[in-house]
Amino acid sequence: MSQNKYQVAILGSGNIGTDLLIKVQRSNELECVAFVGRNLNSQGMSTALKLGVTISDQSINYFLDHSDCIDLVFDATSAKDHKIHAPIFKRLGIKCIDLTPAKIGPMCVPSVNSLDCLKEININMISCGGQASIPIAAAIASIHKDIEYIEVVSSIASKSAGPATRLNLDEYIQTTEDGLKHFSKAKKTKAILILNPAIPCINMTTTILCKVKNPNISALKKEVAKISSKVQSYVPGYELILGPLLENERIIIMFKVRGLGDYLPKYAGNLDIINCAAIAMSEEYAKVNER
C-alpha cells in the first residue's frame, strides 16, 4: 500500500465497478485498497484478485472495520442501496462518489462545478445522460438567460444497460431532468433514454434540443467548443457531431461518446463517461489532500 497515493475503495463488483478498478489502477493519484461486493465468485472479483487488490463479499459491513485506511469510496451499486450506504459513510468520515441516481449529495459535473464539489463529503454523478448533456446545457445558459425548455435524448446500446441501469430507469429520468434544471435554470426539462438493440452495437449518442429567446448561435459555438474541450480532458471519446444549429426555432446539438475500452466495450460510452467523470473528481480530491 502506497501512502503517497489517495486510498480509495470500490463498492459494487459489477461492470461499472470493475471498469472503475481498471481506471484507478492506471491513475498516478489513486490506489484501490479494497474491491467490495456480495459475491466472491463474480467476474469482477476475479479481475480484482488477479490485479492483487484486496476483495471482500461483506458489502457495506466491510467498511465498518476498515474506515481508518480508506479516504474515499466509489459507490457503484444502486440508488436504493446508496440511500442505506450514504449515512454510514458519513458517520465513518469517508468521502463518497455516488455513481447511482440516488442524489443524496450535491450533483457533480467535473467540467462545470468541480471546485464546489470538493467541499462535500458525498457527491452524486447524476447519470450518463447528465454527464453528456449538462456541460452543454451550462454552455447554453451562459449565453441565454431565459431558457424555455431543454430536452435531452440519449440513445445507448441495449447491451450496455445492465440490471442496475434498468432497475434505476425512473431515477435516471428524474435525476437527469433535475440536473438539467439545476445547471441551466431552464423552466422545463425532459430526459429520454433509448435502449437500442441494434447489432453491431451503437455508440452512445446524446441530442440536446433547446428553446430560448433570441438565440445567439455564433456565441454559443464558442462556448460549446470551450466546454467540450474541458469534457474531453477526462472523457477522450466525447465528440461533437452536429451543431450548434437553429432549426424550427430550436437549438440542436448532438454528441457521441465512445468509451476507452478498459473493461467495458468501447461502444459502452454511457458507462465510460460517468466512470471517467468519477475518476476525474477523485483525482481532484487527491490533489486537495496533498496540499
Protein backbone atom coordinates (compact mmCIF):
# COMPACT_ATOMS: atom_id res chain seq x y z
CA MET A 1 0.00 0.00 0.00
CA SER A 2 1.46 3.36 -1.03
CA GLN A 3 0.96 6.17 1.43
CA ASN A 4 1.71 8.67 -1.32
CA LYS A 5 -1.49 7.84 -3.17
CA TYR A 6 -5.09 8.59 -2.25
CA GLN A 7 -6.60 5.44 -0.79
CA VAL A 8 -9.90 4.52 -2.48
CA ALA A 9 -12.29 1.58 -2.37
CA ILE A 10 -14.97 0.43 -4.79
CA LEU A 11 -18.33 -0.82 -3.56
CA GLY A 12 -20.09 -2.82 -6.28
CA SER A 13 -18.35 -5.60 -8.19
CA GLY A 14 -20.37 -5.39 -11.41
CA ASN A 15 -19.31 -3.99 -14.78
CA ILE A 16 -19.20 -0.36 -13.64
CA GLY A 17 -17.21 -1.16 -10.51
CA THR A 18 -14.77 -3.35 -12.41
CA ASP A 19 -14.21 -0.72 -15.10
CA LEU A 20 -13.60 1.82 -12.33
CA LEU A 21 -10.99 -0.52 -10.89
CA ILE A 22 -9.06 -0.64 -14.17
CA LYS A 23 -9.14 3.16 -14.36
CA VAL A 24 -7.96 3.53 -10.77
CA GLN A 25 -5.08 1.14 -11.45
CA ARG A 26 -3.91 3.45 -14.24
CA SER A 27 -4.11 6.62 -12.14
CA ASN A 28 -0.99 8.29 -10.74
CA GLU A 29 -3.04 9.79 -7.89
CA LEU A 30 -5.13 6.83 -6.68
CA GLU A 31 -4.67 3.40 -5.17
CA CYS A 32 -7.53 0.90 -4.79
CA VAL A 33 -7.19 -0.73 -1.37
CA ALA A 34 -10.45 -2.71 -1.49
CA PHE A 35 -12.88 -4.06 -4.08
CA VAL A 36 -16.09 -4.89 -2.25
CA GLY A 37 -19.29 -6.64 -3.29
CA ARG A 38 -21.50 -9.56 -2.31
CA ASN A 39 -20.26 -12.45 -4.45
CA LEU A 40 -16.64 -13.64 -4.36
CA ASN A 41 -17.28 -15.72 -7.49
CA SER A 42 -18.23 -12.78 -9.71
CA GLN A 43 -16.11 -11.89 -12.73
CA GLY A 44 -15.32 -8.52 -11.19
CA MET A 45 -13.93 -10.17 -8.05
CA SER A 46 -11.81 -12.46 -10.16
CA THR A 47 -10.41 -9.49 -12.06
CA ALA A 48 -9.58 -7.64 -8.84
CA LEU A 49 -7.88 -10.70 -7.39
CA LYS A 50 -5.68 -11.07 -10.49
CA LEU A 51 -4.68 -7.42 -10.08
CA GLY A 52 -3.64 -8.04 -6.49
CA VAL A 53 -6.40 -5.92 -4.96
CA THR A 54 -7.99 -6.88 -1.63
CA ILE A 55 -11.51 -8.25 -2.18
CA SER A 56 -14.46 -8.77 0.15
CA ASP A 57 -18.01 -10.07 -0.10
CA GLN A 58 -19.11 -8.22 3.06
CA SER A 59 -20.65 -5.27 1.18
CA ILE A 60 -21.19 -2.18 3.37
CA ASN A 61 -20.15 -4.11 6.50
CA TYR A 62 -16.55 -4.23 5.25
CA PHE A 63 -16.17 -0.51 5.79
CA LEU A 64 -17.19 -0.66 9.45
CA ASP A 65 -13.87 -2.38 10.23
CA HIS A 66 -11.63 -0.68 7.67
CA SER A 67 -12.61 3.00 7.67
CA ASP A 68 -9.23 4.13 9.01
CA CYS A 69 -7.39 3.16 5.81
CA ILE A 70 -9.87 4.47 3.22
CA ASP A 71 -10.11 8.07 2.05
CA LEU A 72 -12.90 7.69 -0.49
CA VAL A 73 -15.39 5.11 -1.75
CA PHE A 74 -16.94 4.84 -5.19
CA ASP A 75 -20.50 3.53 -4.72
CA ALA A 76 -21.37 1.61 -7.88
CA THR A 77 -24.36 -0.28 -6.50
CA SER A 78 -27.92 1.04 -6.92
CA ALA A 79 -29.91 4.10 -5.92
CA LYS A 80 -31.83 2.06 -3.34
CA ASP A 81 -28.64 0.70 -1.78
CA HIS A 82 -26.85 4.03 -1.75
CA LYS A 83 -29.58 5.54 0.41
CA ILE A 84 -28.54 2.98 3.04
CA HIS A 85 -24.80 3.41 2.46
CA ALA A 86 -24.58 7.22 2.48
CA PRO A 87 -25.28 7.83 6.19
CA ILE A 88 -22.84 5.05 7.11
CA PHE A 89 -20.02 6.59 5.09
CA LYS A 90 -20.82 9.98 6.58
CA ARG A 91 -20.64 8.59 10.13
CA LEU A 92 -17.32 6.88 9.32
CA GLY A 93 -15.90 10.09 7.83
CA ILE A 94 -15.29 8.51 4.40
CA LYS A 95 -15.85 10.64 1.31
CA CYS A 96 -18.13 9.06 -1.27
CA ILE A 97 -18.60 9.45 -5.00
CA ASP A 98 -22.07 8.14 -5.81
CA LEU A 99 -22.44 6.64 -9.29
CA THR A 100 -26.12 5.83 -8.78
CA PRO A 101 -29.01 8.26 -9.38
CA ALA A 102 -29.78 8.37 -5.63
CA LYS A 103 -28.99 12.10 -5.49
CA ILE A 104 -28.13 12.18 -1.78
CA GLY A 105 -25.26 14.64 -2.19
CA PRO A 106 -24.85 17.66 -4.49
CA MET A 107 -24.88 16.92 -8.22
CA CYS A 108 -21.42 16.97 -9.78
CA VAL A 109 -20.22 17.54 -13.34
CA PRO A 110 -16.40 17.95 -13.29
CA SER A 111 -16.27 20.37 -16.24
CA VAL A 112 -18.87 22.62 -14.61
CA ASN A 113 -18.66 22.61 -10.79
CA SER A 114 -15.69 20.55 -9.60
CA LEU A 115 -14.36 23.21 -7.20
CA ASP A 116 -17.67 23.49 -5.36
CA CYS A 117 -17.92 19.71 -5.05
CA LEU A 118 -14.52 19.34 -3.39
CA LYS A 119 -16.03 20.84 -0.22
CA GLU A 120 -18.52 17.96 0.03
CA ILE A 121 -18.24 14.53 1.66
CA ASN A 122 -20.79 12.92 -0.72
CA ILE A 123 -21.26 13.90 -4.35
CA ASN A 124 -23.62 12.49 -6.97
CA MET A 125 -22.51 11.88 -10.56
CA ILE A 126 -26.14 12.21 -11.75
CA SER A 127 -26.36 9.90 -14.79
CA CYS A 128 -24.62 9.12 -18.08
CA GLY A 129 -27.07 11.36 -19.92
CA GLY A 130 -26.48 14.08 -17.37
CA GLN A 131 -22.69 13.91 -17.73
CA ALA A 132 -23.05 14.11 -21.52
CA SER A 133 -25.66 16.89 -21.69
CA ILE A 134 -25.24 19.14 -18.64
CA PRO A 135 -21.94 20.70 -19.77
CA ILE A 136 -23.75 21.76 -22.96
CA ALA A 137 -26.80 22.93 -21.03
CA ALA A 138 -24.49 25.04 -18.86
CA ALA A 139 -22.89 26.50 -22.01
CA ILE A 140 -26.32 27.39 -23.38
CA ALA A 141 -27.24 29.02 -20.05
CA SER A 142 -24.06 31.10 -20.03
CA ILE A 143 -25.24 32.79 -23.25
CA HIS A 144 -29.02 32.69 -22.84
CA LYS A 145 -30.61 33.71 -19.55
CA ASP A 146 -34.20 32.82 -20.44
CA ILE A 147 -34.40 29.12 -21.41
CA GLU A 148 -37.91 27.92 -22.08
CA TYR A 149 -37.05 24.22 -22.20
CA ILE A 150 -34.25 21.73 -22.70
CA GLU A 151 -34.89 18.20 -23.91
CA VAL A 152 -32.17 15.54 -23.90
CA VAL A 153 -32.44 12.28 -25.83
CA SER A 154 -29.72 9.70 -25.17
CA SER A 155 -29.51 6.53 -27.24
CA ILE A 156 -27.33 3.71 -25.95
CA ALA A 157 -26.63 0.12 -26.93
CA SER A 158 -29.07 -2.19 -25.19
CA LYS A 159 -26.16 -4.46 -24.26
CA SER A 160 -24.56 -1.63 -22.29
CA ALA A 161 -27.59 -1.31 -19.99
CA GLY A 162 -27.08 -3.83 -17.21
CA PRO A 163 -29.52 -4.90 -14.47
CA ALA A 164 -28.75 -1.90 -12.20
CA THR A 165 -29.25 0.55 -15.07
CA ARG A 166 -32.60 -0.98 -15.97
CA LEU A 167 -33.66 -1.10 -12.32
CA ASN A 168 -32.90 2.62 -11.92
CA LEU A 169 -34.58 3.93 -15.10
CA ASP A 170 -37.16 6.02 -13.23
CA GLU A 171 -34.44 7.51 -11.03
CA TYR A 172 -32.29 8.08 -14.12
CA ILE A 173 -35.00 10.17 -15.80
CA GLN A 174 -35.81 12.20 -12.69
CA THR A 175 -32.20 12.84 -11.70
CA THR A 176 -31.17 13.82 -15.23
CA GLU A 177 -34.09 16.25 -15.52
CA ASP A 178 -33.30 17.70 -12.09
CA GLY A 179 -29.65 18.12 -13.06
CA LEU A 180 -30.51 19.89 -16.30
CA LYS A 181 -32.82 22.27 -14.46
CA HIS A 182 -30.28 22.94 -11.70
CA PHE A 183 -27.40 23.78 -14.03
CA SER A 184 -29.32 25.59 -16.79
CA LYS A 185 -32.21 27.20 -14.84
CA ALA A 186 -34.48 26.11 -17.70
CA LYS A 187 -38.20 26.43 -17.00
CA LYS A 188 -38.87 22.91 -18.25
CA THR A 189 -36.60 19.92 -18.78
CA LYS A 190 -37.16 16.48 -20.27
CA ALA A 191 -34.89 13.43 -20.44
CA ILE A 192 -35.41 10.41 -22.68
CA LEU A 193 -33.30 7.23 -22.73
CA ILE A 194 -33.48 4.86 -25.70
CA LEU A 195 -32.06 1.34 -25.43
CA ASN A 196 -31.12 0.41 -28.99
CA PRO A 197 -30.86 -3.36 -29.67
CA ALA A 198 -29.03 -2.89 -33.00
CA ILE A 199 -26.14 -5.22 -33.86
CA PRO A 200 -23.39 -4.15 -34.21
CA CYS A 201 -23.87 -2.09 -31.05
CA ILE A 202 -24.11 1.66 -31.42
CA ASN A 203 -22.02 4.25 -29.61
CA MET A 204 -23.84 6.45 -27.12
CA THR A 205 -25.36 9.50 -28.81
CA THR A 206 -26.97 12.39 -26.98
CA THR A 207 -29.07 15.07 -28.64
CA ILE A 208 -29.84 18.35 -26.87
CA LEU A 209 -32.89 20.29 -28.06
CA CYS A 210 -33.39 23.72 -26.56
CA LYS A 211 -35.72 26.69 -26.99
CA VAL A 212 -34.55 30.15 -25.90
CA LYS A 213 -35.38 33.75 -26.56
CA ASN A 214 -33.06 35.47 -29.06
CA PRO A 215 -30.70 32.54 -29.76
CA ASN A 216 -27.08 33.53 -30.37
CA ILE A 217 -25.59 30.63 -32.32
CA SER A 218 -22.28 32.36 -33.02
CA ALA A 219 -21.53 32.95 -29.33
CA LEU A 220 -22.85 29.50 -28.42
CA LYS A 221 -20.47 27.77 -30.83
CA LYS A 222 -17.52 29.27 -28.94
CA GLU A 223 -18.90 28.21 -25.55
CA VAL A 224 -19.69 24.69 -26.75
CA ALA A 225 -16.15 24.33 -28.13
CA LYS A 226 -14.71 25.53 -24.82
CA ILE A 227 -16.78 23.23 -22.59
CA SER A 228 -16.33 20.27 -24.97
CA SER A 229 -12.57 20.63 -24.61
CA LYS A 230 -12.94 20.50 -20.82
CA VAL A 231 -15.01 17.32 -21.00
CA GLN A 232 -12.58 15.73 -23.47
CA SER A 233 -9.74 16.27 -20.97
CA TYR A 234 -11.22 13.43 -18.89
CA VAL A 235 -13.53 11.74 -21.47
CA PRO A 236 -11.40 11.45 -24.65
CA GLY A 237 -14.24 9.81 -26.60
CA TYR A 238 -16.62 12.78 -26.18
CA GLU A 239 -17.19 14.27 -29.65
CA LEU A 240 -19.46 16.92 -31.16
CA ILE A 241 -21.16 15.54 -34.28
CA LEU A 242 -23.84 18.17 -35.01
CA GLY A 243 -24.42 21.84 -34.25
CA PRO A 244 -25.00 24.06 -32.55
CA LEU A 245 -27.58 24.97 -35.17
CA LEU A 246 -31.03 26.52 -35.22
CA GLU A 247 -33.92 24.56 -36.70
CA ASN A 248 -37.64 25.31 -36.28
CA GLU A 249 -36.75 27.86 -33.59
CA ARG A 250 -34.89 25.23 -31.56
CA ILE A 251 -31.18 24.93 -30.86
CA ILE A 252 -29.93 21.44 -31.75
CA ILE A 253 -26.62 19.96 -30.58
CA MET A 254 -25.58 16.31 -30.83
CA PHE A 255 -22.65 14.46 -29.27
CA LYS A 256 -21.42 10.91 -29.31
CA VAL A 257 -19.39 9.18 -26.64
CA ARG A 258 -17.06 6.29 -27.34
CA GLY A 259 -15.57 4.51 -24.37
CA LEU A 260 -11.91 3.83 -23.62
CA GLY A 261 -12.46 0.07 -23.73
CA ASP A 262 -10.74 -0.55 -20.37
CA TYR A 263 -13.06 -3.32 -19.12
CA LEU A 264 -16.26 -2.45 -20.94
CA PRO A 265 -16.70 -2.49 -24.74
CA LYS A 266 -15.87 0.77 -26.48
CA TYR A 267 -19.50 1.20 -27.54
CA ALA A 268 -20.48 1.48 -23.84
CA GLY A 269 -19.73 5.18 -23.75
CA ASN A 270 -22.69 5.70 -21.46
CA LEU A 271 -20.93 3.77 -18.70
CA ASP A 272 -17.49 5.10 -19.55
CA ILE A 273 -18.44 8.78 -19.32
CA ILE A 274 -19.78 8.53 -15.76
CA ASN A 275 -16.77 6.46 -14.67
CA CYS A 276 -14.33 8.91 -16.26
CA ALA A 277 -16.13 11.77 -14.51
CA ALA A 278 -15.90 9.93 -11.17
CA ILE A 279 -12.18 9.27 -11.65
CA ALA A 280 -11.60 12.93 -12.55
CA MET A 281 -13.28 14.04 -9.33
CA SER A 282 -11.46 11.50 -7.15
CA GLU A 283 -8.14 12.74 -8.54
CA GLU A 284 -9.18 16.29 -7.66
CA TYR A 285 -9.88 15.12 -4.10
CA ALA A 286 -6.44 13.50 -4.07
CA LYS A 287 -4.74 16.74 -5.14
CA VAL A 288 -6.54 18.70 -2.42
CA ASN A 289 -5.48 16.07 0.12
CA GLU A 290 -1.82 16.54 -0.88
CA ARG A 291 -1.82 20.27 -0.09
